[in-house]
All heavy atoms as atom14 arrays in JSON, in Angstrom:
{
  "sequence": "SHREREKFVDIMRQDILDVLEYEAFDELKDIFDKYNRVNYAEYIADAE",
  "atom14_mask": [
    [1, 1, 1, 1, 1, 1, 0, 0, 0, 0, 0, 0, 0, 0],
    [1, 1, 1, 1, 1, 1, 1, 1, 1, 1, 0, 0, 0, 0],
    [1, 1, 1, 1, 1, 1, 1, 1, 1, 1, 1, 0, 0, 0],
    [1, 1, 1, 1, 1, 1, 1, 1, 1, 0, 0, 0, 0, 0],
    [1, 1, 1, 1, 1, 1, 1, 1, 1, 1, 1, 0, 0, 0],
    [1, 1, 1, 1, 1, 1, 1, 1, 1, 0, 0, 0, 0, 0],
    [1, 1, 1, 1, 1, 1, 1, 1, 1, 0, 0, 0, 0, 0],
    [1, 1, 1, 1, 1, 1, 1, 1, 1, 1, 1, 0, 0, 0],
    [1, 1, 1, 1, 1, 1, 1, 0, 0, 0, 0, 0, 0, 0],
    [1, 1, 1, 1, 1, 1, 1, 1, 0, 0, 0, 0, 0, 0],
    [1, 1, 1, 1, 1, 1, 1, 1, 0, 0, 0, 0, 0, 0],
    [1, 1, 1, 1, 1, 1, 1, 1, 0, 0, 0, 0, 0, 0],
    [1, 1, 1, 1, 1, 1, 1, 1, 1, 1, 1, 0, 0, 0],
    [1, 1, 1, 1, 1, 1, 1, 1, 1, 0, 0, 0, 0, 0],
    [1, 1, 1, 1, 1, 1, 1, 1, 0, 0, 0, 0, 0, 0],
    [1, 1, 1, 1, 1, 1, 1, 1, 0, 0, 0, 0, 0, 0],
    [1, 1, 1, 1, 1, 1, 1, 1, 0, 0, 0, 0, 0, 0],
    [1, 1, 1, 1, 1, 1, 1, 1, 0, 0, 0, 0, 0, 0],
    [1, 1, 1, 1, 1, 1, 1, 0, 0, 0, 0, 0, 0, 0],
    [1, 1, 1, 1, 1, 1, 1, 1, 0, 0, 0, 0, 0, 0],
    [1, 1, 1, 1, 1, 1, 1, 1, 1, 0, 0, 0, 0, 0],
    [1, 1, 1, 1, 1, 1, 1, 1, 1, 1, 1, 1, 0, 0],
    [1, 1, 1, 1, 1, 1, 1, 1, 1, 0, 0, 0, 0, 0],
    [1, 1, 1, 1, 1, 0, 0, 0, 0, 0, 0, 0, 0, 0],
    [1, 1, 1, 1, 1, 1, 1, 1, 1, 1, 1, 0, 0, 0],
    [1, 1, 1, 1, 1, 1, 1, 1, 0, 0, 0, 0, 0, 0],
    [1, 1, 1, 1, 1, 1, 1, 1, 1, 0, 0, 0, 0, 0],
    [1, 1, 1, 1, 1, 1, 1, 1, 0, 0, 0, 0, 0, 0],
    [1, 1, 1, 1, 1, 1, 1, 1, 1, 0, 0, 0, 0, 0],
    [1, 1, 1, 1, 1, 1, 1, 1, 0, 0, 0, 0, 0, 0],
    [1, 1, 1, 1, 1, 1, 1, 1, 0, 0, 0, 0, 0, 0],
    [1, 1, 1, 1, 1, 1, 1, 1, 1, 1, 1, 0, 0, 0],
    [1, 1, 1, 1, 1, 1, 1, 1, 0, 0, 0, 0, 0, 0],
    [1, 1, 1, 1, 1, 1, 1, 1, 1, 0, 0, 0, 0, 0],
    [1, 1, 1, 1, 1, 1, 1, 1, 1, 1, 1, 1, 0, 0],
    [1, 1, 1, 1, 1, 1, 1, 1, 0, 0, 0, 0, 0, 0],
    [1, 1, 1, 1, 1, 1, 1, 1, 1, 1, 1, 0, 0, 0],
    [1, 1, 1, 1, 1, 1, 1, 0, 0, 0, 0, 0, 0, 0],
    [1, 1, 1, 1, 1, 1, 1, 1, 0, 0, 0, 0, 0, 0],
    [1, 1, 1, 1, 1, 1, 1, 1, 1, 1, 1, 1, 0, 0],
    [1, 1, 1, 1, 1, 0, 0, 0, 0, 0, 0, 0, 0, 0],
    [1, 1, 1, 1, 1, 1, 1, 1, 1, 0, 0, 0, 0, 0],
    [1, 1, 1, 1, 1, 1, 1, 1, 1, 1, 1, 1, 0, 0],
    [1, 1, 1, 1, 1, 1, 1, 1, 0, 0, 0, 0, 0, 0],
    [1, 1, 1, 1, 1, 0, 0, 0, 0, 0, 0, 0, 0, 0],
    [1, 1, 1, 1, 1, 1, 1, 1, 0, 0, 0, 0, 0, 0],
    [1, 1, 1, 1, 1, 0, 0, 0, 0, 0, 0, 0, 0, 0],
    [1, 1, 1, 1, 1, 1, 1, 1, 1, 0, 0, 0, 0, 0]
  ],
  "atom14_positions": [
    [[121.07, 150.0, 143.88], [120.25, 149.17, 144.71], [119.48, 148.25, 143.83], [119.39, 148.32, 142.61], [119.28, 149.93, 145.57], [118.35, 150.53, 144.77], [0.0, 0.0, 0.0], [0.0, 0.0, 0.0], [0.0, 0.0, 0.0], [0.0, 0.0, 0.0], [0.0, 0.0, 0.0], [0.0, 0.0, 0.0], [0.0, 0.0, 0.0], [0.0, 0.0, 0.0]],
    [[118.86, 147.16, 144.49], [118.1, 146.22, 143.72], [116.93, 146.88, 142.93], [116.68, 146.56, 141.8], [117.51, 145.11, 144.64], [116.69, 144.07, 143.93], [117.26, 143.17, 143.07], [115.37, 143.9, 143.88], [116.27, 142.37, 142.53], [115.06, 142.81, 143.07], [0.0, 0.0, 0.0], [0.0, 0.0, 0.0], [0.0, 0.0, 0.0], [0.0, 0.0, 0.0]],
    [[116.24, 147.79, 143.61], [115.18, 148.45, 142.97], [115.62, 149.33, 141.86], [114.99, 149.41, 140.77], [114.4, 149.32, 144.01], [113.2, 149.99, 143.5], [112.38, 150.64, 144.67], [111.2, 151.23, 144.17], [110.29, 151.86, 144.95], [110.57, 151.94, 146.27], [109.22, 152.43, 144.41], [0.0, 0.0, 0.0], [0.0, 0.0, 0.0], [0.0, 0.0, 0.0]],
    [[116.8, 150.04, 142.08], [117.29, 150.92, 140.96], [117.81, 150.03, 139.85], [117.64, 150.48, 138.67], [118.55, 151.69, 141.54], [118.13, 152.79, 142.54], [119.3, 153.41, 143.25], [120.39, 152.73, 143.24], [119.16, 154.56, 143.74], [0.0, 0.0, 0.0], [0.0, 0.0, 0.0], [0.0, 0.0, 0.0], [0.0, 0.0, 0.0], [0.0, 0.0, 0.0]],
    [[118.35, 148.91, 140.1], [118.77, 148.02, 139.0], [117.58, 147.52, 138.16], [117.71, 147.5, 136.96], [119.51, 146.81, 139.66], [119.98, 145.78, 138.63], [121.12, 146.29, 137.83], [121.49, 145.33, 136.8], [122.5, 145.52, 135.87], [123.14, 146.68, 135.88], [122.8, 144.58, 135.04], [0.0, 0.0, 0.0], [0.0, 0.0, 0.0], [0.0, 0.0, 0.0]],
    [[116.47, 147.2, 138.8], [115.27, 146.83, 138.07], [114.78, 147.91, 137.19], [114.47, 147.67, 136.0], [114.19, 146.41, 139.01], [114.46, 145.02, 139.69], [113.24, 144.61, 140.6], [112.51, 145.58, 141.06], [113.05, 143.42, 140.85], [0.0, 0.0, 0.0], [0.0, 0.0, 0.0], [0.0, 0.0, 0.0], [0.0, 0.0, 0.0], [0.0, 0.0, 0.0]],
    [[114.77, 149.11, 137.73], [114.38, 150.24, 136.92], [115.32, 150.46, 135.72], [114.88, 150.78, 134.62], [114.21, 151.46, 137.84], [113.51, 152.62, 137.12], [113.26, 153.8, 138.14], [112.45, 154.84, 137.48], [112.09, 155.95, 138.39], [0.0, 0.0, 0.0], [0.0, 0.0, 0.0], [0.0, 0.0, 0.0], [0.0, 0.0, 0.0], [0.0, 0.0, 0.0]],
    [[116.57, 150.38, 135.97], [117.57, 150.52, 135.0], [117.34, 149.61, 133.85], [117.42, 150.0, 132.73], [118.99, 150.4, 135.62], [120.1, 150.42, 134.64], [120.67, 151.61, 134.26], [120.63, 149.21, 134.06], [121.7, 151.73, 133.38], [121.68, 149.28, 133.17], [122.22, 150.48, 132.79], [0.0, 0.0, 0.0], [0.0, 0.0, 0.0], [0.0, 0.0, 0.0]],
    [[117.12, 148.3, 134.18], [116.93, 147.27, 133.13], [115.72, 147.59, 132.32], [115.67, 147.47, 131.06], [116.86, 145.86, 133.73], [116.42, 144.84, 132.73], [118.28, 145.52, 134.31], [0.0, 0.0, 0.0], [0.0, 0.0, 0.0], [0.0, 0.0, 0.0], [0.0, 0.0, 0.0], [0.0, 0.0, 0.0], [0.0, 0.0, 0.0], [0.0, 0.0, 0.0]],
    [[114.58, 147.96, 133.01], [113.38, 148.33, 132.31], [113.62, 149.46, 131.28], [113.08, 149.45, 130.19], [112.26, 148.72, 133.24], [111.71, 147.53, 134.02], [111.91, 146.32, 133.57], [111.08, 147.72, 135.15], [0.0, 0.0, 0.0], [0.0, 0.0, 0.0], [0.0, 0.0, 0.0], [0.0, 0.0, 0.0], [0.0, 0.0, 0.0], [0.0, 0.0, 0.0]],
    [[114.35, 150.47, 131.76], [114.63, 151.6, 130.88], [115.38, 151.21, 129.65], [115.07, 151.51, 128.58], [115.38, 152.74, 131.7], [114.5, 153.38, 132.69], [115.93, 153.78, 130.7], [115.16, 154.3, 133.62], [0.0, 0.0, 0.0], [0.0, 0.0, 0.0], [0.0, 0.0, 0.0], [0.0, 0.0, 0.0], [0.0, 0.0, 0.0], [0.0, 0.0, 0.0]],
    [[116.4, 150.36, 129.93], [117.24, 149.86, 128.83], [116.4, 149.11, 127.81], [116.6, 149.26, 126.62], [118.41, 149.04, 129.41], [119.4, 149.83, 130.24], [120.24, 151.2, 129.36], [121.33, 150.23, 128.32], [0.0, 0.0, 0.0], [0.0, 0.0, 0.0], [0.0, 0.0, 0.0], [0.0, 0.0, 0.0], [0.0, 0.0, 0.0], [0.0, 0.0, 0.0]],
    [[115.58, 148.2, 128.29], [114.81, 147.36, 127.4], [113.9, 148.23, 126.53], [113.86, 148.05, 125.3], [113.97, 146.35, 128.17], [114.77, 145.22, 128.78], [113.88, 144.4, 129.67], [114.63, 143.18, 130.15], [114.16, 142.36, 131.08], [112.99, 142.69, 131.73], [114.85, 141.33, 131.48], [0.0, 0.0, 0.0], [0.0, 0.0, 0.0], [0.0, 0.0, 0.0]],
    [[113.11, 149.12, 127.14], [112.17, 149.91, 126.35], [112.84, 150.99, 125.46], [112.46, 151.06, 124.3], [111.22, 150.6, 127.34], [110.08, 151.38, 126.62], [109.31, 150.46, 125.73], [108.79, 149.4, 126.18], [109.12, 150.81, 124.48], [0.0, 0.0, 0.0], [0.0, 0.0, 0.0], [0.0, 0.0, 0.0], [0.0, 0.0, 0.0], [0.0, 0.0, 0.0]],
    [[113.78, 151.64, 125.96], [114.39, 152.69, 125.21], [115.18, 152.18, 124.02], [115.29, 152.76, 122.96], [115.33, 153.58, 126.07], [114.42, 154.54, 126.93], [113.24, 154.28, 127.07], [114.98, 155.5, 127.49], [0.0, 0.0, 0.0], [0.0, 0.0, 0.0], [0.0, 0.0, 0.0], [0.0, 0.0, 0.0], [0.0, 0.0, 0.0], [0.0, 0.0, 0.0]],
    [[115.86, 151.02, 124.24], [116.61, 150.42, 123.12], [115.72, 149.96, 121.97], [115.92, 150.19, 120.8], [117.42, 149.2, 123.65], [118.62, 149.65, 124.51], [117.91, 148.35, 122.48], [119.38, 148.54, 125.18], [0.0, 0.0, 0.0], [0.0, 0.0, 0.0], [0.0, 0.0, 0.0], [0.0, 0.0, 0.0], [0.0, 0.0, 0.0], [0.0, 0.0, 0.0]],
    [[114.55, 149.4, 122.37], [113.56, 149.03, 121.38], [113.1, 150.28, 120.58], [112.93, 150.19, 119.37], [112.4, 148.34, 122.0], [112.45, 146.82, 122.09], [111.15, 146.29, 122.73], [112.66, 146.17, 120.77], [0.0, 0.0, 0.0], [0.0, 0.0, 0.0], [0.0, 0.0, 0.0], [0.0, 0.0, 0.0], [0.0, 0.0, 0.0], [0.0, 0.0, 0.0]],
    [[112.82, 151.37, 121.32], [112.3, 152.57, 120.67], [113.31, 153.06, 119.59], [112.94, 153.46, 118.46], [112.08, 153.61, 121.67], [110.78, 153.36, 122.54], [110.1, 152.49, 122.15], [110.75, 153.98, 123.62], [0.0, 0.0, 0.0], [0.0, 0.0, 0.0], [0.0, 0.0, 0.0], [0.0, 0.0, 0.0], [0.0, 0.0, 0.0], [0.0, 0.0, 0.0]],
    [[114.62, 153.05, 120.0], [115.6, 153.47, 119.0], [115.78, 152.52, 117.86], [115.85, 152.99, 116.67], [116.92, 153.68, 119.77], [118.08, 154.01, 118.76], [116.86, 154.7, 120.84], [0.0, 0.0, 0.0], [0.0, 0.0, 0.0], [0.0, 0.0, 0.0], [0.0, 0.0, 0.0], [0.0, 0.0, 0.0], [0.0, 0.0, 0.0], [0.0, 0.0, 0.0]],
    [[115.77, 151.24, 118.14], [116.0, 150.2, 117.14], [114.81, 150.25, 116.12], [114.95, 149.83, 114.95], [116.12, 148.81, 117.7], [117.45, 148.63, 118.43], [117.48, 147.22, 119.08], [118.65, 148.74, 117.44], [0.0, 0.0, 0.0], [0.0, 0.0, 0.0], [0.0, 0.0, 0.0], [0.0, 0.0, 0.0], [0.0, 0.0, 0.0], [0.0, 0.0, 0.0]],
    [[113.61, 150.64, 116.6], [112.46, 150.75, 115.6], [112.73, 151.84, 114.61], [112.24, 151.85, 113.44], [111.16, 151.07, 116.39], [110.63, 149.86, 117.09], [109.35, 150.17, 117.82], [108.85, 151.34, 117.67], [108.79, 149.22, 118.58], [0.0, 0.0, 0.0], [0.0, 0.0, 0.0], [0.0, 0.0, 0.0], [0.0, 0.0, 0.0], [0.0, 0.0, 0.0]],
    [[113.54, 152.84, 114.99], [113.85, 153.95, 114.06], [115.05, 153.55, 113.14], [114.96, 153.76, 112.0], [114.21, 155.22, 114.82], [114.33, 156.42, 113.99], [113.3, 157.36, 113.72], [115.66, 156.75, 113.46], [113.51, 158.42, 112.88], [115.84, 157.82, 112.66], [114.79, 158.7, 112.35], [114.99, 159.78, 111.56], [0.0, 0.0, 0.0], [0.0, 0.0, 0.0]],
    [[116.09, 153.01, 113.8], [117.28, 152.57, 113.01], [117.96, 151.44, 113.78], [118.16, 151.51, 115.0], [118.21, 153.77, 112.88], [119.38, 153.48, 111.98], [120.24, 154.68, 111.64], [119.71, 155.8, 111.71], [121.43, 154.53, 111.3], [0.0, 0.0, 0.0], [0.0, 0.0, 0.0], [0.0, 0.0, 0.0], [0.0, 0.0, 0.0], [0.0, 0.0, 0.0]],
    [[118.29, 150.45, 113.06], [118.84, 149.25, 113.66], [120.41, 149.36, 113.85], [121.18, 148.87, 113.17], [118.64, 147.98, 112.8], [0.0, 0.0, 0.0], [0.0, 0.0, 0.0], [0.0, 0.0, 0.0], [0.0, 0.0, 0.0], [0.0, 0.0, 0.0], [0.0, 0.0, 0.0], [0.0, 0.0, 0.0], [0.0, 0.0, 0.0], [0.0, 0.0, 0.0]],
    [[120.78, 150.09, 114.91], [122.2, 150.22, 115.26], [122.75, 148.92, 115.81], [122.18, 148.36, 116.68], [122.34, 151.34, 116.28], [121.99, 152.7, 115.88], [120.78, 153.22, 116.28], [122.82, 153.44, 115.09], [120.43, 154.5, 115.87], [122.45, 154.81, 114.62], [121.21, 155.29, 115.07], [0.0, 0.0, 0.0], [0.0, 0.0, 0.0], [0.0, 0.0, 0.0]],
    [[123.82, 148.47, 115.22], [124.47, 147.22, 115.64], [124.85, 147.26, 117.12], [124.73, 146.25, 117.81], [125.64, 146.89, 114.76], [125.22, 146.45, 113.37], [124.03, 146.02, 113.17], [126.05, 146.66, 112.46], [0.0, 0.0, 0.0], [0.0, 0.0, 0.0], [0.0, 0.0, 0.0], [0.0, 0.0, 0.0], [0.0, 0.0, 0.0], [0.0, 0.0, 0.0]],
    [[125.39, 148.4, 117.57], [125.83, 148.54, 119.0], [124.66, 148.23, 119.95], [124.81, 147.64, 120.99], [126.46, 149.87, 119.29], [127.4, 150.43, 118.23], [126.74, 151.34, 117.27], [125.9, 150.84, 116.49], [127.0, 152.55, 117.35], [0.0, 0.0, 0.0], [0.0, 0.0, 0.0], [0.0, 0.0, 0.0], [0.0, 0.0, 0.0], [0.0, 0.0, 0.0]],
    [[123.47, 148.73, 119.57], [122.34, 148.58, 120.49], [121.73, 147.14, 120.39], [121.16, 146.62, 121.36], [121.27, 149.54, 120.12], [121.53, 150.99, 120.48], [120.35, 151.86, 120.32], [122.07, 151.17, 121.89], [0.0, 0.0, 0.0], [0.0, 0.0, 0.0], [0.0, 0.0, 0.0], [0.0, 0.0, 0.0], [0.0, 0.0, 0.0], [0.0, 0.0, 0.0]],
    [[121.94, 146.45, 119.27], [121.5, 145.09, 119.15], [122.23, 144.2, 120.2], [121.64, 143.37, 120.81], [121.72, 144.54, 117.72], [120.86, 145.16, 116.67], [121.2, 144.52, 115.29], [120.33, 145.16, 114.18], [120.7, 144.58, 112.85], [0.0, 0.0, 0.0], [0.0, 0.0, 0.0], [0.0, 0.0, 0.0], [0.0, 0.0, 0.0], [0.0, 0.0, 0.0]],
    [[123.53, 144.55, 120.33], [124.28, 143.69, 121.27], [123.83, 143.98, 122.73], [123.76, 143.07, 123.54], [125.79, 144.06, 121.17], [126.4, 143.58, 119.82], [125.74, 142.7, 119.2], [127.36, 144.14, 119.36], [0.0, 0.0, 0.0], [0.0, 0.0, 0.0], [0.0, 0.0, 0.0], [0.0, 0.0, 0.0], [0.0, 0.0, 0.0], [0.0, 0.0, 0.0]],
    [[123.56, 145.21, 123.01], [123.11, 145.58, 124.37], [121.71, 145.01, 124.57], [121.35, 144.57, 125.69], [123.09, 147.15, 124.58], [124.48, 147.68, 124.34], [122.57, 147.54, 125.97], [124.6, 149.22, 124.43], [0.0, 0.0, 0.0], [0.0, 0.0, 0.0], [0.0, 0.0, 0.0], [0.0, 0.0, 0.0], [0.0, 0.0, 0.0], [0.0, 0.0, 0.0]],
    [[120.84, 145.03, 123.54], [119.47, 144.44, 123.72], [119.66, 142.98, 124.11], [118.92, 142.51, 124.98], [118.78, 144.53, 122.32], [117.43, 143.86, 122.33], [116.28, 144.62, 122.6], [117.24, 142.53, 122.01], [115.0, 144.05, 122.6], [116.04, 141.93, 122.01], [114.85, 142.75, 122.32], [0.0, 0.0, 0.0], [0.0, 0.0, 0.0], [0.0, 0.0, 0.0]],
    [[120.55, 142.21, 123.51], [120.72, 140.85, 123.82], [121.13, 140.64, 125.3], [120.72, 139.67, 125.91], [121.82, 140.2, 122.97], [121.49, 140.25, 121.49], [120.26, 140.47, 121.18], [122.31, 140.0, 120.6], [0.0, 0.0, 0.0], [0.0, 0.0, 0.0], [0.0, 0.0, 0.0], [0.0, 0.0, 0.0], [0.0, 0.0, 0.0], [0.0, 0.0, 0.0]],
    [[121.82, 141.62, 125.87], [122.28, 141.55, 127.19], [121.14, 141.69, 128.21], [121.1, 140.99, 129.26], [123.28, 142.66, 127.48], [123.83, 142.59, 128.92], [124.66, 143.84, 129.27], [125.79, 144.1, 128.25], [126.64, 145.28, 128.73], [0.0, 0.0, 0.0], [0.0, 0.0, 0.0], [0.0, 0.0, 0.0], [0.0, 0.0, 0.0], [0.0, 0.0, 0.0]],
    [[120.11, 142.46, 127.88], [119.02, 142.79, 128.82], [117.76, 141.98, 128.56], [116.76, 142.21, 129.3], [118.76, 144.29, 128.96], [119.93, 145.04, 129.47], [120.79, 145.74, 128.6], [120.16, 145.12, 130.79], [121.87, 146.46, 129.06], [121.29, 145.82, 131.31], [122.1, 146.51, 130.45], [123.17, 147.2, 130.93], [0.0, 0.0, 0.0], [0.0, 0.0, 0.0]],
    [[117.72, 141.19, 127.58], [116.53, 140.45, 127.24], [116.77, 138.94, 127.14], [117.88, 138.51, 126.95], [115.96, 140.91, 125.86], [115.38, 142.32, 125.96], [114.18, 142.5, 126.25], [116.21, 143.34, 125.65], [0.0, 0.0, 0.0], [0.0, 0.0, 0.0], [0.0, 0.0, 0.0], [0.0, 0.0, 0.0], [0.0, 0.0, 0.0], [0.0, 0.0, 0.0]],
    [[115.71, 138.16, 127.31], [115.85, 136.71, 127.34], [116.15, 136.11, 125.95], [116.58, 135.03, 125.78], [114.64, 136.07, 127.93], [114.46, 136.45, 129.36], [113.14, 135.89, 129.93], [112.86, 136.3, 131.28], [111.77, 136.05, 132.0], [110.76, 135.36, 131.34], [111.61, 136.43, 133.21], [0.0, 0.0, 0.0], [0.0, 0.0, 0.0], [0.0, 0.0, 0.0]],
    [[115.76, 136.9, 124.88], [116.03, 136.49, 123.54], [116.9, 137.47, 122.9], [116.94, 138.71, 123.27], [114.68, 136.27, 122.73], [113.88, 135.19, 123.3], [113.94, 137.6, 122.65], [0.0, 0.0, 0.0], [0.0, 0.0, 0.0], [0.0, 0.0, 0.0], [0.0, 0.0, 0.0], [0.0, 0.0, 0.0], [0.0, 0.0, 0.0], [0.0, 0.0, 0.0]],
    [[117.65, 137.12, 121.81], [118.49, 138.14, 121.17], [117.6, 138.89, 120.13], [116.46, 138.56, 119.95], [119.7, 137.47, 120.44], [119.24, 136.49, 119.38], [118.3, 136.65, 118.64], [119.96, 135.36, 119.35], [0.0, 0.0, 0.0], [0.0, 0.0, 0.0], [0.0, 0.0, 0.0], [0.0, 0.0, 0.0], [0.0, 0.0, 0.0], [0.0, 0.0, 0.0]],
    [[118.21, 139.92, 119.63], [117.33, 140.84, 118.8], [116.76, 140.17, 117.57], [115.67, 140.34, 117.22], [118.21, 142.04, 118.39], [117.44, 143.08, 117.64], [116.41, 143.88, 118.28], [117.63, 143.34, 116.31], [115.68, 144.82, 117.63], [116.94, 144.32, 115.6], [115.96, 145.01, 116.23], [115.28, 145.92, 115.56], [0.0, 0.0, 0.0], [0.0, 0.0, 0.0]],
    [[117.57, 139.3, 116.94], [117.15, 138.55, 115.72], [115.89, 137.74, 116.08], [114.92, 137.62, 115.32], [118.23, 137.8, 115.14], [0.0, 0.0, 0.0], [0.0, 0.0, 0.0], [0.0, 0.0, 0.0], [0.0, 0.0, 0.0], [0.0, 0.0, 0.0], [0.0, 0.0, 0.0], [0.0, 0.0, 0.0], [0.0, 0.0, 0.0], [0.0, 0.0, 0.0]],
    [[115.98, 137.08, 117.24], [114.85, 136.18, 117.62], [113.67, 137.08, 117.93], [112.47, 136.63, 117.72], [115.27, 135.31, 118.86], [116.32, 134.27, 118.49], [116.8, 133.58, 119.84], [116.69, 134.19, 120.86], [117.3, 132.5, 119.7], [0.0, 0.0, 0.0], [0.0, 0.0, 0.0], [0.0, 0.0, 0.0], [0.0, 0.0, 0.0], [0.0, 0.0, 0.0]],
    [[113.86, 138.16, 118.62], [112.8, 139.01, 118.96], [112.02, 139.49, 117.68], [110.83, 139.5, 117.69], [113.23, 140.28, 119.77], [112.25, 141.34, 119.99], [111.38, 141.2, 121.11], [112.16, 142.43, 119.11], [110.4, 142.22, 121.28], [111.19, 143.39, 119.29], [110.29, 143.3, 120.39], [109.36, 144.22, 120.63], [0.0, 0.0, 0.0], [0.0, 0.0, 0.0]],
    [[112.76, 139.94, 116.73], [112.18, 140.42, 115.46], [111.42, 139.29, 114.76], [110.28, 139.45, 114.29], [113.24, 140.97, 114.49], [113.86, 142.29, 115.05], [112.66, 141.23, 113.13], [112.8, 143.39, 115.28], [0.0, 0.0, 0.0], [0.0, 0.0, 0.0], [0.0, 0.0, 0.0], [0.0, 0.0, 0.0], [0.0, 0.0, 0.0], [0.0, 0.0, 0.0]],
    [[112.02, 138.09, 114.72], [111.34, 136.97, 114.05], [110.02, 136.62, 114.82], [109.01, 136.31, 114.22], [112.32, 135.75, 114.08], [0.0, 0.0, 0.0], [0.0, 0.0, 0.0], [0.0, 0.0, 0.0], [0.0, 0.0, 0.0], [0.0, 0.0, 0.0], [0.0, 0.0, 0.0], [0.0, 0.0, 0.0], [0.0, 0.0, 0.0], [0.0, 0.0, 0.0]],
    [[110.09, 136.69, 116.15], [108.85, 136.4, 116.96], [107.8, 137.48, 116.72], [106.59, 137.14, 116.62], [109.23, 136.32, 118.47], [109.98, 135.13, 118.84], [110.08, 134.19, 117.98], [110.59, 135.12, 119.94], [0.0, 0.0, 0.0], [0.0, 0.0, 0.0], [0.0, 0.0, 0.0], [0.0, 0.0, 0.0], [0.0, 0.0, 0.0], [0.0, 0.0, 0.0]],
    [[108.25, 138.71, 116.67], [107.31, 139.8, 116.4], [106.63, 139.65, 115.03], [105.38, 139.89, 114.83], [108.0, 141.14, 116.52], [0.0, 0.0, 0.0], [0.0, 0.0, 0.0], [0.0, 0.0, 0.0], [0.0, 0.0, 0.0], [0.0, 0.0, 0.0], [0.0, 0.0, 0.0], [0.0, 0.0, 0.0], [0.0, 0.0, 0.0], [0.0, 0.0, 0.0]],
    [[107.46, 139.34, 114.06], [106.89, 139.14, 112.68], [105.98, 137.91, 112.59], [104.92, 138.05, 111.95], [108.06, 139.0, 111.66], [108.84, 140.27, 111.47], [110.05, 140.05, 110.53], [110.37, 138.85, 110.25], [110.61, 141.06, 110.13], [0.0, 0.0, 0.0], [0.0, 0.0, 0.0], [0.0, 0.0, 0.0], [0.0, 0.0, 0.0], [0.0, 0.0, 0.0]]
  ]
}
C-alpha cells in the first residue's frame, strides 16, 4: 500500500546509511542512490 511503501523507503534509507557507516558495500551504494535524491558520493561530499 502507499503507507507501507513510504515506511519501506524510510527503512531502506536509514538502515542502508547505518550499514554504510560501518562498511561501504558497493551493492548498497547503488541501492542508496535508488531511494535518495542524491547519490551516495554526493551525500558523503555534502556531509563532509
